[in-house]
Amino acid sequence: MLEIKNLYKDFDDLKVLKNINLTIKAGEKAVIIGPSGSGKSTLLRCLNALETPTSGSILFEDKEITDPKIDLNLIREQMGMVFQQFNLFSNLSILDNLTLAPVKRHRLTKIEAEEKAQTLLNRIGLSEKIDAFPKQLSGGQQQRIAIIRAMM
């Protein structure tokens, strides 16, 4: 479960996040929408501890993610994020982009990761691109790859 309580984020005099409160239960999905500059990316960066909130709390599975003692890698393994720049590795195939982290972090065997990648690629209609490289894909295709990488 993810729980955000009274979250604020300021950049000097600019107040970007103001009193954000949100609870997402295990298994629920949430979408964050809003106009450009409304704080969507800042909120996601706070959730992944890439930004430190000015005040408030973010609890993930009852653990405060701003606690200096928390293992952020364990938290981040369970929380996917797709950046505006997709950050695909240009020197790796699509399959390798999808399977690198789950295998390196010992969450899945290579075979399990490849099977999961194939299933997700089938779901988004890009299974034929499994051996392609990011530069061979359109921007929209790269975005879909980045999304399923976050789901791995």
Protein backbone atom coordinates (compact mmCIF):
# COMPACT_ATOMS: atom_id res chain seq x y z
CA MET A 1 0.00 0.00 0.00
CA LEU A 2 1.11 3.54 -0.77
CA GLU A 3 -0.02 6.36 1.48
CA ILE A 4 0.81 10.02 0.99
CA LYS A 5 -0.03 12.39 3.85
CA ASN A 6 0.10 16.19 3.75
CA LEU A 7 2.87 16.21 1.12
CA TYR A 8 4.45 19.53 0.19
CA LYS A 9 7.35 20.21 -2.16
CA ASP A 10 8.81 23.67 -2.67
CA PHE A 11 11.61 24.80 -4.92
CA ASP A 12 12.71 28.03 -3.23
CA ASP A 13 9.61 30.29 -3.44
CA LEU A 14 7.79 28.04 -5.92
CA LYS A 15 5.28 25.77 -4.20
CA VAL A 16 4.88 22.78 -6.52
CA LEU A 17 3.03 20.25 -4.33
CA LYS A 18 0.55 21.52 -1.75
CA ASN A 19 -1.07 19.22 0.80
CA ILE A 20 -1.23 16.07 -1.36
CA ASN A 21 -3.10 13.20 0.31
CA LEU A 22 -3.53 9.86 -1.45
CA THR A 23 -3.94 6.20 -0.58
CA ILE A 24 -3.44 3.43 -3.13
CA LYS A 25 -4.15 -0.04 -1.81
CA ALA A 26 -2.25 -3.15 -2.90
CA GLY A 27 -3.50 -4.27 -6.30
CA GLU A 28 -5.07 -0.92 -7.15
CA LYS A 29 -3.89 1.11 -10.11
CA ALA A 30 -3.77 4.89 -10.22
CA VAL A 31 -3.28 7.45 -12.95
CA ILE A 32 -1.90 10.92 -12.33
CA ILE A 33 -3.08 13.48 -14.85
CA GLY A 34 -2.85 17.23 -15.04
CA PRO A 35 -1.63 20.09 -17.19
CA SER A 36 2.02 20.79 -17.86
CA GLY A 37 3.72 22.21 -14.79
CA SER A 38 1.12 20.94 -12.32
CA GLY A 39 3.58 18.79 -10.34
CA LYS A 40 2.98 15.29 -11.76
CA SER A 41 6.66 14.54 -12.33
CA THR A 42 7.65 16.13 -9.02
CA LEU A 43 5.17 13.88 -7.20
CA LEU A 44 6.54 10.78 -8.93
CA ARG A 45 10.10 11.87 -8.20
CA CYS A 46 9.17 12.23 -4.51
CA LEU A 47 7.61 8.75 -4.55
CA ASN A 48 10.87 7.30 -5.86
CA ALA A 49 13.00 9.41 -3.48
CA LEU A 50 14.58 11.27 -6.38
CA GLU A 51 13.32 14.48 -4.71
CA THR A 52 12.97 15.10 -0.99
CA PRO A 53 9.59 16.47 0.07
CA THR A 54 9.57 19.79 1.92
CA SER A 55 7.16 18.25 4.43
CA GLY A 56 4.66 15.44 4.79
CA SER A 57 5.12 11.71 4.61
CA ILE A 58 5.18 8.95 2.02
CA LEU A 59 4.58 5.46 3.35
CA PHE A 60 5.15 2.43 1.15
CA GLU A 61 4.02 -0.79 2.80
CA ASP A 62 4.03 1.07 6.15
CA LYS A 63 7.65 2.22 5.73
CA GLU A 64 8.50 5.92 5.53
CA ILE A 65 10.54 6.24 2.33
CA THR A 66 12.32 9.39 3.54
CA ASP A 67 13.76 7.48 6.52
CA PRO A 68 17.56 7.47 6.00
CA LYS A 69 17.68 3.84 7.23
CA ILE A 70 15.33 2.56 4.51
CA ASP A 71 16.77 0.50 1.65
CA LEU A 72 15.59 2.55 -1.33
CA ASN A 73 16.60 -0.16 -3.78
CA LEU A 74 14.07 -2.53 -2.21
CA ILE A 75 11.37 0.13 -2.46
CA ARG A 76 12.25 1.05 -6.05
CA GLU A 77 12.15 -2.60 -7.11
CA GLN A 78 8.45 -2.58 -6.34
CA MET A 79 7.64 0.80 -7.87
CA GLY A 80 8.01 1.31 -11.62
CA MET A 81 8.52 4.72 -13.16
CA VAL A 82 8.65 5.83 -16.77
CA PHE A 83 10.61 9.03 -17.32
CA GLN A 84 9.85 11.64 -19.98
CA GLN A 85 13.10 10.54 -21.59
CA PHE A 86 12.64 6.79 -21.84
CA ASN A 87 16.26 5.99 -20.86
CA LEU A 88 16.44 2.77 -22.85
CA PHE A 89 19.98 1.45 -23.27
CA SER A 90 20.82 2.16 -26.91
CA ASN A 91 23.44 -0.61 -27.06
CA LEU A 92 21.04 -3.32 -25.81
CA SER A 93 18.27 -5.12 -27.65
CA ILE A 94 14.69 -4.64 -26.52
CA LEU A 95 14.81 -8.05 -24.81
CA ASP A 96 17.98 -7.10 -22.93
CA ASN A 97 16.52 -3.71 -21.94
CA LEU A 98 13.54 -5.53 -20.44
CA THR A 99 15.38 -8.34 -18.68
CA LEU A 100 18.53 -6.62 -17.39
CA ALA A 101 17.24 -5.29 -14.05
CA PRO A 102 15.11 -8.27 -12.96
CA VAL A 103 18.00 -10.67 -13.64
CA LYS A 104 20.74 -8.46 -12.13
CA ARG A 105 18.65 -7.85 -9.00
CA HIS A 106 18.07 -11.64 -8.74
CA ARG A 107 14.29 -11.24 -8.80
CA LEU A 108 13.88 -13.50 -11.84
CA THR A 109 16.00 -16.08 -13.60
CA LYS A 110 17.02 -15.24 -17.15
CA ILE A 111 14.44 -17.68 -18.53
CA GLU A 112 11.66 -16.28 -16.30
CA ALA A 113 12.54 -12.70 -17.29
CA GLU A 114 12.58 -13.58 -21.00
CA GLU A 115 9.19 -15.32 -20.72
CA LYS A 116 7.69 -12.35 -18.90
CA ALA A 117 9.18 -9.93 -21.46
CA GLN A 118 7.72 -11.97 -24.34
CA THR A 119 4.29 -12.01 -22.67
CA LEU A 120 4.33 -8.24 -22.15
CA LEU A 121 5.62 -7.58 -25.68
CA ASN A 122 2.78 -9.72 -27.05
CA ARG A 123 0.29 -7.73 -24.99
CA ILE A 124 1.41 -4.42 -26.52
CA GLY A 125 1.80 -5.80 -30.04
CA LEU A 126 5.59 -5.47 -30.26
CA SER A 127 6.75 -9.09 -30.00
CA GLU A 128 8.41 -8.84 -33.42
CA LYS A 129 10.71 -6.09 -32.03
CA ILE A 130 12.28 -8.32 -29.36
CA ASP A 131 15.70 -8.34 -31.09
CA ALA A 132 15.55 -4.73 -32.31
CA PHE A 133 17.47 -1.85 -30.76
CA PRO A 134 15.78 1.29 -29.39
CA LYS A 135 16.90 3.49 -32.31
CA GLN A 136 15.00 1.15 -34.65
CA LEU A 137 11.69 1.92 -32.90
CA SER A 138 9.42 4.92 -33.14
CA GLY A 139 9.04 7.22 -30.14
CA GLY A 140 5.67 5.66 -29.31
CA GLN A 141 7.13 2.15 -29.48
CA GLN A 142 10.03 3.19 -27.23
CA GLN A 143 7.53 4.62 -24.76
CA ARG A 144 5.60 1.33 -24.66
CA ILE A 145 8.87 -0.56 -24.09
CA ALA A 146 9.71 1.80 -21.21
CA ILE A 147 6.26 1.19 -19.70
CA ILE A 148 6.57 -2.59 -19.81
CA ARG A 149 10.12 -2.35 -18.47
CA ALA A 150 8.60 -0.61 -15.44
CA MET A 151 6.19 -3.56 -15.15
CA MET A 152 8.96 -6.17 -15.17
